[in-house]
Amino acid sequence: MHGFGSAFLLAQVGAHAAQRFAERIAELDLTPAQVGLLRLVATRPGQSQQAIAAQLGTQPTRLVALVDGLEKRGLIERHRNPGDRRLYALELSEDGRALMSRIALTSMAHERALTAALTEGERATLHALLTKIADEQDLTPGVHPGYTRLKGS
């Protein structure tokens, strides 16, 4: 051990990983918040902005600008919710689905670069340990805690 605790190292590596990911996806003209929203819409299509905001732990009004920007770029579409005409269901457009493939490739490259010093077994162990910590800390799977601030939208 180098004299630093695990919590410090997690914060250090996490901040580095977040910065490097932001740089990688900037090449796709996206922010981390936009990528997170696109992923959520891709994995759970048809949800309302209100439902998505609740999952992200942010106010629906804070999500509006993010959704508007992605809609203007033709990546997300709003459709009236047949069950409740007051709500709009969010879905990826064809361009949004195509962009998700590029995001997936970028994410895989990021993962490989960040864990290059590890063997496959060590990567699996690290993932299992981080998942255990995230579960114990009651973190929402797949949701970055930065959404409560929604910076970079």
C-alpha atoms as a PDB file:
ATOM      1  CA  MET A   1       0.000   0.000   0.000  1.00  0.00           C
ATOM      2  CA  HIS A   2       1.259   3.484  -0.815  1.00  0.00           C
ATOM      3  CA  GLY A   3       0.034   5.153   2.363  1.00  0.00           C
ATOM      4  CA  PHE A   4      -3.351   6.087   0.911  1.00  0.00           C
ATOM      5  CA  GLY A   5      -6.611   4.506   1.934  1.00  0.00           C
ATOM      6  CA  SER A   6      -8.934   2.663  -0.416  1.00  0.00           C
ATOM      7  CA  ALA A   7     -11.550   5.434  -0.301  1.00  0.00           C
ATOM      8  CA  PHE A   8      -8.958   7.963  -1.486  1.00  0.00           C
ATOM      9  CA  LEU A   9      -7.776   5.654  -4.266  1.00  0.00           C
ATOM     10  CA  LEU A  10     -11.370   5.024  -5.369  1.00  0.00           C
ATOM     11  CA  ALA A  11     -11.977   8.782  -5.512  1.00  0.00           C
ATOM     12  CA  GLN A  12      -8.712   9.374  -7.380  1.00  0.00           C
ATOM     13  CA  VAL A  13      -9.300   6.639  -9.954  1.00  0.00           C
ATOM     14  CA  GLY A  14     -12.979   7.606 -10.246  1.00  0.00           C
ATOM     15  CA  ALA A  15     -12.188  11.249 -10.953  1.00  0.00           C
ATOM     16  CA  HIS A  16      -9.538  10.218 -13.499  1.00  0.00           C
ATOM     17  CA  ALA A  17     -11.913   7.752 -15.164  1.00  0.00           C
ATOM     18  CA  ALA A  18     -14.703  10.353 -15.353  1.00  0.00           C
ATOM     19  CA  GLN A  19     -12.370  12.937 -16.889  1.00  0.00           C
ATOM     20  CA  ARG A  20     -10.983  10.488 -19.460  1.00  0.00           C
ATOM     21  CA  PHE A  21     -14.496   9.294 -20.380  1.00  0.00           C
ATOM     22  CA  ALA A  22     -15.672  12.887 -20.832  1.00  0.00           C
ATOM     23  CA  GLU A  23     -12.725  13.490 -23.164  1.00  0.00           C
ATOM     24  CA  ARG A  24     -13.486  10.346 -25.180  1.00  0.00           C
ATOM     25  CA  ILE A  25     -17.181  11.086 -25.663  1.00  0.00           C
ATOM     26  CA  ALA A  26     -16.489  14.749 -26.435  1.00  0.00           C
ATOM     27  CA  GLU A  27     -15.176  13.338 -29.725  1.00  0.00           C
ATOM     28  CA  LEU A  28     -18.784  12.243 -30.342  1.00  0.00           C
ATOM     29  CA  ASP A  29     -19.966  15.761 -29.398  1.00  0.00           C
ATOM     30  CA  LEU A  30     -21.579  14.445 -26.219  1.00  0.00           C
ATOM     31  CA  THR A  31     -21.334  15.107 -22.485  1.00  0.00           C
ATOM     32  CA  PRO A  32     -21.417  12.399 -19.798  1.00  0.00           C
ATOM     33  CA  ALA A  33     -24.928  13.513 -18.786  1.00  0.00           C
ATOM     34  CA  GLN A  34     -26.148  13.123 -22.373  1.00  0.00           C
ATOM     35  CA  VAL A  35     -24.603   9.658 -22.652  1.00  0.00           C
ATOM     36  CA  GLY A  36     -26.211   8.599 -19.387  1.00  0.00           C
ATOM     37  CA  LEU A  37     -29.625   9.759 -20.536  1.00  0.00           C
ATOM     38  CA  LEU A  38     -29.235   8.071 -23.924  1.00  0.00           C
ATOM     39  CA  ARG A  39     -28.267   4.811 -22.186  1.00  0.00           C
ATOM     40  CA  LEU A  40     -31.252   5.007 -19.866  1.00  0.00           C
ATOM     41  CA  VAL A  41     -33.662   5.682 -22.738  1.00  0.00           C
ATOM     42  CA  ALA A  42     -32.051   2.859 -24.750  1.00  0.00           C
ATOM     43  CA  THR A  43     -32.392   0.311 -21.954  1.00  0.00           C
ATOM     44  CA  ARG A  44     -35.858   1.436 -20.815  1.00  0.00           C
ATOM     45  CA  PRO A  45     -37.653   2.952 -23.818  1.00  0.00           C
ATOM     46  CA  GLY A  46     -41.087   4.504 -23.476  1.00  0.00           C
ATOM     47  CA  GLN A  47     -40.643   6.001 -20.026  1.00  0.00           C
ATOM     48  CA  SER A  48     -41.782   9.524 -19.239  1.00  0.00           C
ATOM     49  CA  GLN A  49     -39.383  12.350 -18.391  1.00  0.00           C
ATOM     50  CA  GLN A  50     -40.819  12.285 -14.870  1.00  0.00           C
ATOM     51  CA  ALA A  51     -40.013   8.577 -14.443  1.00  0.00           C
ATOM     52  CA  ILE A  52     -36.495   9.058 -15.805  1.00  0.00           C
ATOM     53  CA  ALA A  53     -35.898  12.058 -13.530  1.00  0.00           C
ATOM     54  CA  ALA A  54     -36.966   9.964 -10.533  1.00  0.00           C
ATOM     55  CA  GLN A  55     -34.506   7.209 -11.485  1.00  0.00           C
ATOM     56  CA  LEU A  56     -31.721   9.757 -11.888  1.00  0.00           C
ATOM     57  CA  GLY A  57     -32.597  11.447  -8.599  1.00  0.00           C
ATOM     58  CA  THR A  58     -33.130  14.865 -10.172  1.00  0.00           C
ATOM     59  CA  GLN A  59     -36.058  17.231 -10.727  1.00  0.00           C
ATOM     60  CA  PRO A  60     -37.986  16.749 -14.002  1.00  0.00           C
ATOM     61  CA  THR A  61     -37.478  20.436 -14.825  1.00  0.00           C
ATOM     62  CA  ARG A  62     -33.685  19.943 -14.694  1.00  0.00           C
ATOM     63  CA  LEU A  63     -33.977  17.141 -17.229  1.00  0.00           C
ATOM     64  CA  VAL A  64     -35.927  19.194 -19.775  1.00  0.00           C
ATOM     65  CA  ALA A  65     -32.920  21.029 -21.247  1.00  0.00           C
ATOM     66  CA  LEU A  66     -31.003  17.775 -21.571  1.00  0.00           C
ATOM     67  CA  VAL A  67     -33.903  16.066 -23.360  1.00  0.00           C
ATOM     68  CA  ASP A  68     -34.552  19.149 -25.530  1.00  0.00           C
ATOM     69  CA  GLY A  69     -30.930  19.222 -26.693  1.00  0.00           C
ATOM     70  CA  LEU A  70     -30.916  15.541 -27.633  1.00  0.00           C
ATOM     71  CA  GLU A  71     -34.284  15.896 -29.360  1.00  0.00           C
ATOM     72  CA  LYS A  72     -33.007  18.860 -31.426  1.00  0.00           C
ATOM     73  CA  ARG A  73     -30.067  16.717 -32.528  1.00  0.00           C
ATOM     74  CA  GLY A  74     -32.505  14.015 -33.651  1.00  0.00           C
ATOM     75  CA  LEU A  75     -31.291  11.443 -31.108  1.00  0.00           C
ATOM     76  CA  ILE A  76     -34.388  11.207 -28.888  1.00  0.00           C
ATOM     77  CA  GLU A  77     -38.063  11.328 -29.836  1.00  0.00           C
ATOM     78  CA  ARG A  78     -40.997  12.271 -27.635  1.00  0.00           C
ATOM     79  CA  HIS A  79     -44.274  10.435 -28.180  1.00  0.00           C
ATOM     80  CA  ARG A  80     -47.556  10.915 -26.355  1.00  0.00           C
ATOM     81  CA  ASN A  81     -47.962   8.272 -23.694  1.00  0.00           C
ATOM     82  CA  PRO A  82     -51.082   6.277 -24.654  1.00  0.00           C
ATOM     83  CA  GLY A  83     -51.795   5.572 -20.974  1.00  0.00           C
ATOM     84  CA  ASP A  84     -51.586   9.228 -19.923  1.00  0.00           C
ATOM     85  CA  ARG A  85     -51.888  11.895 -22.622  1.00  0.00           C
ATOM     86  CA  ARG A  86     -50.291  14.493 -20.321  1.00  0.00           C
ATOM     87  CA  LEU A  87     -46.981  12.613 -20.391  1.00  0.00           C
ATOM     88  CA  TYR A  88     -44.487  12.040 -23.183  1.00  0.00           C
ATOM     89  CA  ALA A  89     -42.715   8.736 -23.638  1.00  0.00           C
ATOM     90  CA  LEU A  90     -39.041   8.997 -24.606  1.00  0.00           C
ATOM     91  CA  GLU A  91     -37.448   6.720 -27.172  1.00  0.00           C
ATOM     92  CA  LEU A  92     -34.250   6.735 -29.182  1.00  0.00           C
ATOM     93  CA  SER A  93     -34.532   7.741 -32.819  1.00  0.00           C
ATOM     94  CA  GLU A  94     -32.819   5.722 -35.542  1.00  0.00           C
ATOM     95  CA  ASP A  95     -29.860   8.141 -35.326  1.00  0.00           C
ATOM     96  CA  GLY A  96     -29.853   7.727 -31.548  1.00  0.00           C
ATOM     97  CA  ARG A  97     -29.689   3.939 -31.864  1.00  0.00           C
ATOM     98  CA  ALA A  98     -26.806   4.239 -34.334  1.00  0.00           C
ATOM     99  CA  LEU A  99     -24.960   6.588 -31.981  1.00  0.00           C
ATOM    100  CA  MET A 100     -25.389   4.083 -29.134  1.00  0.00           C
ATOM    101  CA  SER A 101     -23.216   1.632 -31.106  1.00  0.00           C
ATOM    102  CA  ARG A 102     -20.454   4.237 -31.262  1.00  0.00           C
ATOM    103  CA  ILE A 103     -20.897   5.002 -27.559  1.00  0.00           C
ATOM    104  CA  ALA A 104     -20.583   1.282 -26.767  1.00  0.00           C
ATOM    105  CA  LEU A 105     -17.311   1.048 -28.713  1.00  0.00           C
ATOM    106  CA  THR A 106     -16.000   4.170 -26.967  1.00  0.00           C
ATOM    107  CA  SER A 107     -17.017   2.771 -23.571  1.00  0.00           C
ATOM    108  CA  MET A 108     -15.281  -0.556 -24.255  1.00  0.00           C
ATOM    109  CA  ALA A 109     -12.086   1.230 -25.306  1.00  0.00           C
ATOM    110  CA  HIS A 110     -12.280   3.352 -22.143  1.00  0.00           C
ATOM    111  CA  GLU A 111     -12.740   0.266 -19.969  1.00  0.00           C
ATOM    112  CA  ARG A 112      -9.787  -1.514 -21.610  1.00  0.00           C
ATOM    113  CA  ALA A 113      -7.516   1.522 -21.270  1.00  0.00           C
ATOM    114  CA  LEU A 114      -8.443   2.151 -17.648  1.00  0.00           C
ATOM    115  CA  THR A 115      -7.892  -1.470 -16.587  1.00  0.00           C
ATOM    116  CA  ALA A 116      -4.908  -2.218 -18.861  1.00  0.00           C
ATOM    117  CA  ALA A 117      -2.666  -3.043 -15.877  1.00  0.00           C
ATOM    118  CA  LEU A 118      -5.015  -5.847 -14.773  1.00  0.00           C
ATOM    119  CA  THR A 119      -5.437  -9.434 -15.932  1.00  0.00           C
ATOM    120  CA  GLU A 120      -8.881 -10.678 -16.956  1.00  0.00           C
ATOM    121  CA  GLY A 121      -9.243 -12.348 -13.552  1.00  0.00           C
ATOM    122  CA  GLU A 122      -8.250  -9.161 -11.746  1.00  0.00           C
ATOM    123  CA  ARG A 123     -10.759  -7.167 -13.824  1.00  0.00           C
ATOM    124  CA  ALA A 124     -13.511  -9.595 -12.828  1.00  0.00           C
ATOM    125  CA  THR A 125     -12.484  -9.413  -9.152  1.00  0.00           C
ATOM    126  CA  LEU A 126     -12.344  -5.598  -9.246  1.00  0.00           C
ATOM    127  CA  HIS A 127     -15.793  -5.453 -10.841  1.00  0.00           C
ATOM    128  CA  ALA A 128     -17.239  -7.836  -8.248  1.00  0.00           C
ATOM    129  CA  LEU A 129     -15.725  -5.863  -5.367  1.00  0.00           C
ATOM    130  CA  LEU A 130     -16.867  -2.486  -6.723  1.00  0.00           C
ATOM    131  CA  THR A 131     -20.370  -3.893  -7.297  1.00  0.00           C
ATOM    132  CA  LYS A 132     -20.433  -5.149  -3.699  1.00  0.00           C
ATOM    133  CA  ILE A 133     -19.422  -1.704  -2.402  1.00  0.00           C
ATOM    134  CA  ALA A 134     -21.964   0.077  -4.624  1.00  0.00           C
ATOM    135  CA  ASP A 135     -24.728  -2.272  -3.435  1.00  0.00           C
ATOM    136  CA  GLU A 136     -23.820  -1.800   0.226  1.00  0.00           C
ATOM    137  CA  GLN A 137     -23.737   1.989  -0.245  1.00  0.00           C
ATOM    138  CA  ASP A 138     -27.218   1.776  -1.831  1.00  0.00           C
ATOM    139  CA  LEU A 139     -26.107   3.346  -5.125  1.00  0.00           C
ATOM    140  CA  THR A 140     -28.537   3.097  -8.026  1.00  0.00           C
ATOM    141  CA  PRO A 141     -27.065   0.697 -10.615  1.00  0.00           C
ATOM    142  CA  GLY A 142     -26.065   2.465 -13.815  1.00  0.00           C
ATOM    143  CA  VAL A 143     -26.816   5.973 -12.513  1.00  0.00           C
ATOM    144  CA  HIS A 144     -23.932   8.354 -11.884  1.00  0.00           C
ATOM    145  CA  PRO A 145     -24.405  10.390  -8.687  1.00  0.00           C
ATOM    146  CA  GLY A 146     -23.620  13.558 -10.704  1.00  0.00           C
ATOM    147  CA  TYR A 147     -27.178  13.549 -12.057  1.00  0.00           C
ATOM    148  CA  THR A 148     -28.411  15.244  -8.928  1.00  0.00           C
ATOM    149  CA  ARG A 149     -26.477  18.276 -10.191  1.00  0.00           C
ATOM    150  CA  LEU A 150     -26.877  17.630 -13.954  1.00  0.00           C
ATOM    151  CA  LYS A 151     -23.762  19.550 -14.910  1.00  0.00           C
ATOM    152  CA  GLY A 152     -22.574  19.465 -18.490  1.00  0.00           C
ATOM    153  CA  SER A 153     -26.018  19.027 -19.983  1.00  0.00           C
END
